[in-house]
C-alpha atoms as a PDB file:
ATOM      1  CA  MET A   1       2.449 -79.286 -41.171  1.00  0.00           C
ATOM      2  CA  GLN A   2      -0.853 -78.761 -42.978  1.00  0.00           C
ATOM      3  CA  GLU A   3      -2.323 -75.315 -43.362  1.00  0.00           C
ATOM      4  CA  LEU A   4      -5.486 -74.828 -41.331  1.00  0.00           C
ATOM      5  CA  LEU A   5      -8.407 -73.084 -42.979  1.00  0.00           C
ATOM      6  CA  VAL A   6     -10.489 -70.619 -41.029  1.00  0.00           C
ATOM      7  CA  TYR A   7     -14.199 -70.978 -41.709  1.00  0.00           C
ATOM      8  CA  GLU A   8     -17.414 -69.545 -40.323  1.00  0.00           C
ATOM      9  CA  TYR A   9     -20.759 -71.261 -39.926  1.00  0.00           C
ATOM     10  CA  ALA A  10     -24.265 -70.654 -38.664  1.00  0.00           C
ATOM     11  CA  VAL A  11     -27.103 -73.031 -37.872  1.00  0.00           C
ATOM     12  CA  LEU A  12     -30.348 -72.520 -39.819  1.00  0.00           C
ATOM     13  CA  ARG A  13     -33.478 -72.563 -37.732  1.00  0.00           C
ATOM     14  CA  VAL A  14     -37.188 -72.674 -38.362  1.00  0.00           C
ATOM     15  CA  VAL A  15     -39.104 -70.542 -35.877  1.00  0.00           C
ATOM     16  CA  PRO A  16     -42.762 -71.412 -36.545  1.00  0.00           C
ATOM     17  CA  ARG A  17     -44.116 -68.818 -34.083  1.00  0.00           C
ATOM     18  CA  VAL A  18     -41.634 -65.982 -33.877  1.00  0.00           C
ATOM     19  CA  GLU A  19     -43.295 -64.503 -30.794  1.00  0.00           C
ATOM     20  CA  ARG A  20     -42.582 -67.712 -28.823  1.00  0.00           C
ATOM     21  CA  GLU A  21     -38.926 -67.920 -29.940  1.00  0.00           C
ATOM     22  CA  GLU A  22     -39.032 -71.737 -30.117  1.00  0.00           C
ATOM     23  CA  PHE A  23     -37.048 -73.197 -32.977  1.00  0.00           C
ATOM     24  CA  VAL A  24     -35.935 -76.366 -34.724  1.00  0.00           C
ATOM     25  CA  ASN A  25     -32.450 -76.608 -36.213  1.00  0.00           C
ATOM     26  CA  VAL A  26     -32.840 -77.504 -39.894  1.00  0.00           C
ATOM     27  CA  GLY A  27     -29.510 -76.798 -41.568  1.00  0.00           C
ATOM     28  CA  VAL A  28     -26.112 -75.174 -41.636  1.00  0.00           C
ATOM     29  CA  ILE A  29     -24.379 -72.617 -43.795  1.00  0.00           C
ATOM     30  CA  VAL A  30     -20.581 -72.572 -44.050  1.00  0.00           C
ATOM     31  CA  PHE A  31     -18.284 -69.881 -45.423  1.00  0.00           C
ATOM     32  CA  CYS A  32     -14.523 -70.043 -46.002  1.00  0.00           C
ATOM     33  CA  LYS A  33     -13.036 -66.725 -47.098  1.00  0.00           C
ATOM     34  CA  SER A  34      -9.718 -68.156 -48.320  1.00  0.00           C
ATOM     35  CA  ARG A  35     -11.563 -70.642 -50.549  1.00  0.00           C
ATOM     36  CA  LYS A  36     -14.280 -68.132 -51.525  1.00  0.00           C
ATOM     37  CA  MET A  37     -16.664 -70.943 -50.664  1.00  0.00           C
ATOM     38  CA  ILE A  38     -20.165 -70.912 -49.253  1.00  0.00           C
ATOM     39  CA  GLU A  39     -22.199 -74.096 -48.814  1.00  0.00           C
ATOM     40  CA  CYS A  40     -25.579 -74.772 -47.309  1.00  0.00           C
ATOM     41  CA  ALA A  41     -27.201 -78.075 -46.330  1.00  0.00           C
ATOM     42  CA  VAL A  42     -30.712 -78.632 -44.980  1.00  0.00           C
ATOM     43  CA  SER A  43     -32.500 -81.519 -43.294  1.00  0.00           C
ATOM     44  CA  LEU A  44     -36.104 -80.630 -42.555  1.00  0.00           C
ATOM     45  CA  LYS A  45     -37.736 -82.555 -39.693  1.00  0.00           C
ATOM     46  CA  LYS A  46     -41.365 -81.670 -40.339  1.00  0.00           C
ATOM     47  CA  GLU A  47     -42.749 -83.567 -37.341  1.00  0.00           C
ATOM     48  CA  LYS A  48     -40.617 -81.477 -34.951  1.00  0.00           C
ATOM     49  CA  ILE A  49     -41.839 -78.256 -36.528  1.00  0.00           C
ATOM     50  CA  PHE A  50     -45.470 -79.386 -36.443  1.00  0.00           C
ATOM     51  CA  SER A  51     -45.030 -80.269 -32.754  1.00  0.00           C
ATOM     52  CA  LEU A  52     -44.281 -76.587 -32.064  1.00  0.00           C
ATOM     53  CA  TYR A  53     -47.115 -75.257 -34.219  1.00  0.00           C
ATOM     54  CA  ALA A  54     -49.578 -77.567 -35.953  1.00  0.00           C
ATOM     55  CA  GLU A  55     -50.893 -74.835 -38.296  1.00  0.00           C
ATOM     56  CA  VAL A  56     -47.479 -73.902 -39.694  1.00  0.00           C
ATOM     57  CA  ASP A  57     -47.225 -73.208 -43.441  1.00  0.00           C
ATOM     58  CA  MET A  58     -44.801 -76.019 -44.308  1.00  0.00           C
ATOM     59  CA  ASN A  59     -44.906 -75.204 -48.041  1.00  0.00           C
ATOM     60  CA  GLY A  60     -43.818 -71.658 -47.254  1.00  0.00           C
ATOM     61  CA  ILE A  61     -40.982 -72.931 -45.071  1.00  0.00           C
ATOM     62  CA  GLU A  62     -39.808 -75.322 -47.787  1.00  0.00           C
ATOM     63  CA  GLU A  63     -39.927 -72.564 -50.426  1.00  0.00           C
ATOM     64  CA  ASN A  64     -37.951 -70.195 -48.204  1.00  0.00           C
ATOM     65  CA  LEU A  65     -35.327 -72.842 -47.416  1.00  0.00           C
ATOM     66  CA  CYS A  66     -34.965 -73.582 -51.147  1.00  0.00           C
ATOM     67  CA  ALA A  67     -34.482 -69.859 -51.811  1.00  0.00           C
ATOM     68  CA  PHE A  68     -31.934 -69.707 -48.982  1.00  0.00           C
ATOM     69  CA  GLN A  69     -29.984 -72.603 -50.539  1.00  0.00           C
ATOM     70  CA  ALA A  70     -30.172 -71.069 -54.025  1.00  0.00           C
ATOM     71  CA  ILE A  71     -28.814 -67.746 -52.775  1.00  0.00           C
ATOM     72  CA  ALA A  72     -26.029 -69.509 -50.865  1.00  0.00           C
ATOM     73  CA  ALA A  73     -25.090 -71.396 -54.036  1.00  0.00           C
ATOM     74  CA  GLY A  74     -25.079 -68.187 -56.076  1.00  0.00           C
ATOM     75  CA  ASP A  75     -27.786 -69.578 -58.362  1.00  0.00           C
ATOM     76  CA  ARG A  76     -28.361 -66.848 -60.929  1.00  0.00           C
ATOM     77  CA  GLN A  77     -31.743 -68.399 -61.773  1.00  0.00           C
ATOM     78  CA  SER A  78     -32.996 -67.943 -58.196  1.00  0.00           C
ATOM     79  CA  GLY A  79     -34.634 -64.625 -59.021  1.00  0.00           C
ATOM     80  CA  SER A  80     -32.753 -62.863 -56.260  1.00  0.00           C
ATOM     81  CA  GLY A  81     -30.157 -60.192 -56.933  1.00  0.00           C
ATOM     82  CA  ILE A  82     -28.462 -61.249 -53.706  1.00  0.00           C
ATOM     83  CA  ALA A  83     -27.445 -64.521 -55.385  1.00  0.00           C
ATOM     84  CA  LEU A  84     -25.281 -62.426 -57.736  1.00  0.00           C
ATOM     85  CA  LEU A  85     -23.137 -61.058 -54.897  1.00  0.00           C
ATOM     86  CA  ASP A  86     -19.764 -62.552 -53.940  1.00  0.00           C
ATOM     87  CA  ALA A  87     -19.644 -65.413 -51.420  1.00  0.00           C
ATOM     88  CA  ALA A  88     -18.777 -63.222 -48.433  1.00  0.00           C
ATOM     89  CA  SER A  89     -21.641 -60.809 -49.124  1.00  0.00           C
ATOM     90  CA  ARG A  90     -24.128 -63.658 -49.618  1.00  0.00           C
ATOM     91  CA  PHE A  91     -23.025 -65.265 -46.338  1.00  0.00           C
ATOM     92  CA  ARG A  92     -23.346 -61.985 -44.414  1.00  0.00           C
ATOM     93  CA  TRP A  93     -26.784 -61.297 -45.915  1.00  0.00           C
ATOM     94  CA  LEU A  94     -28.076 -64.817 -45.202  1.00  0.00           C
ATOM     95  CA  THR A  95     -26.794 -64.851 -41.620  1.00  0.00           C
ATOM     96  CA  ALA A  96     -27.997 -61.343 -40.723  1.00  0.00           C
ATOM     97  CA  THR A  97     -30.277 -61.136 -37.687  1.00  0.00           C
ATOM     98  CA  ARG A  98     -33.932 -61.197 -38.680  1.00  0.00           C
ATOM     99  CA  SER A  99     -37.296 -61.796 -37.092  1.00  0.00           C
ATOM    100  CA  THR A 100     -38.793 -64.268 -39.557  1.00  0.00           C
ATOM    101  CA  MET A 101     -39.621 -67.968 -39.628  1.00  0.00           C
ATOM    102  CA  ILE A 102     -36.191 -68.780 -41.105  1.00  0.00           C
ATOM    103  CA  GLN A 103     -33.383 -67.537 -38.869  1.00  0.00           C
ATOM    104  CA  CYS A 104     -29.704 -68.243 -38.254  1.00  0.00           C
ATOM    105  CA  SER A 105     -27.761 -68.726 -35.082  1.00  0.00           C
ATOM    106  CA  LYS A 106     -24.902 -66.403 -34.351  1.00  0.00           C
ATOM    107  CA  VAL A 107     -21.931 -66.964 -36.651  1.00  0.00           C
ATOM    108  CA  HIS A 108     -19.271 -69.236 -35.186  1.00  0.00           C
ATOM    109  CA  PRO A 109     -15.623 -69.655 -36.268  1.00  0.00           C
ATOM    110  CA  GLY A 110     -13.836 -72.909 -36.878  1.00  0.00           C
ATOM    111  CA  LEU A 111     -10.598 -74.417 -38.203  1.00  0.00           C
ATOM    112  CA  ALA A 112     -10.310 -77.272 -40.668  1.00  0.00           C
ATOM    113  CA  VAL A 113      -7.667 -78.959 -42.792  1.00  0.00           C
ATOM    114  CA  SER A 114     -10.148 -79.118 -45.682  1.00  0.00           C
ATOM    115  CA  THR A 115     -13.585 -77.724 -46.435  1.00  0.00           C
ATOM    116  CA  GLU A 116     -14.564 -80.860 -48.359  1.00  0.00           C
ATOM    117  CA  GLY A 117     -17.532 -82.447 -46.607  1.00  0.00           C
ATOM    118  CA  LEU A 118     -17.457 -79.827 -43.849  1.00  0.00           C
ATOM    119  CA  VAL A 119     -21.061 -78.711 -44.370  1.00  0.00           C
ATOM    120  CA  HIS A 120     -22.275 -82.316 -44.009  1.00  0.00           C
ATOM    121  CA  THR A 121     -20.142 -82.893 -40.900  1.00  0.00           C
ATOM    122  CA  LEU A 122     -21.654 -79.803 -39.283  1.00  0.00           C
ATOM    123  CA  LEU A 123     -25.163 -80.796 -40.418  1.00  0.00           C
ATOM    124  CA  GLU A 124     -24.696 -84.178 -38.731  1.00  0.00           C
ATOM    125  CA  LYS A 125     -23.419 -82.553 -35.531  1.00  0.00           C
ATOM    126  CA  MET A 126     -25.871 -79.640 -35.293  1.00  0.00           C
ATOM    127  CA  VAL A 127     -29.089 -80.915 -36.882  1.00  0.00           C
ATOM    128  CA  LEU A 128     -29.339 -84.676 -37.325  1.00  0.00           C
END
C-alpha cells in the first residue's frame, strides 16, 4: 500500500475592491510538510477582474502576484526576507489573513500519493 502524503493548500484571490469583498480566484499555493515543499501557480483572468472594477491597477496586481510566487519559491533575489524562511514559515506567512487586494482562502488539507503536478491539478480545479 502506498504512503499517502498530507498536504495543505489555499486558493489565491484578487479582491479589486476590498470593501465589497468580491473576488476572482487566480491561483493556488500548496505545502507538504513531509516533503518540505511549497509550490504556487497563478492564472490571471484579467477580464474577470476588470468586470468587478474597471479602474483596477492591473500592473500592481501582477507585480504582487509575482512577488507572492517568488516568496513561495524561496527566491533569494526577490528582495524579501520572508523568501529566506523555511517552507512552512513561508506558507504560513503567505496564507495569513489580510485585508489587501491579494488574499488567500482558508487553508484546506488534502491527501495525495505524490505531490508531483498537484499544484497544477488544484489550479485546474479551483481556478481554470
